[in-house]
């Protein structure tokens, strides 16, 4: 599905017709647009590669006790407190990533991890650099009511009551 690109590893690692994966200082790898999208357009449709009841720093939470590994490039999309992608559950149990605002060639694709993770362990300190940066990535449980209401696209399990631990 993805063909390696020759050249320096810190530039491009893998690519498709619509995005490229490359190193991002302080974040590891990131996904960058090589096409443009308008708001509401489907950018990436993820697929599940593994399911586990255990949370990992690479898993996506799709249910209160369901943690999944997604295929690339979805698993490489970085967090932002002011993302350009939102999520919705898709028909294969993973997430579709939709443009929340216009995305231009060269833009890094980002989503808010709190829109799917009830408690996030992936990135304790946020490095998104957004003017609205929360400083930490605690997950949905750590958001204020106002911050929760600002998330327009969230995993459907977060819309139901969460049972106590």
Foldseek 3Di string as FASTA:
>chain_A
DWDADDDDQQQFGTDDCFWTWHQDPPQGIFIFGQAKDAFFDFRDDKAFPDWDQDDDLQWWAQAPRITTHIDPPVSRHAADLDFQWAWEQDPRSDITTGGRHIGHGGDTHHYHSLLTFQAHDNWQADDRPDPPDPGGRGHVVPDDPVSNVPRPHHRPNVVDDDDDD
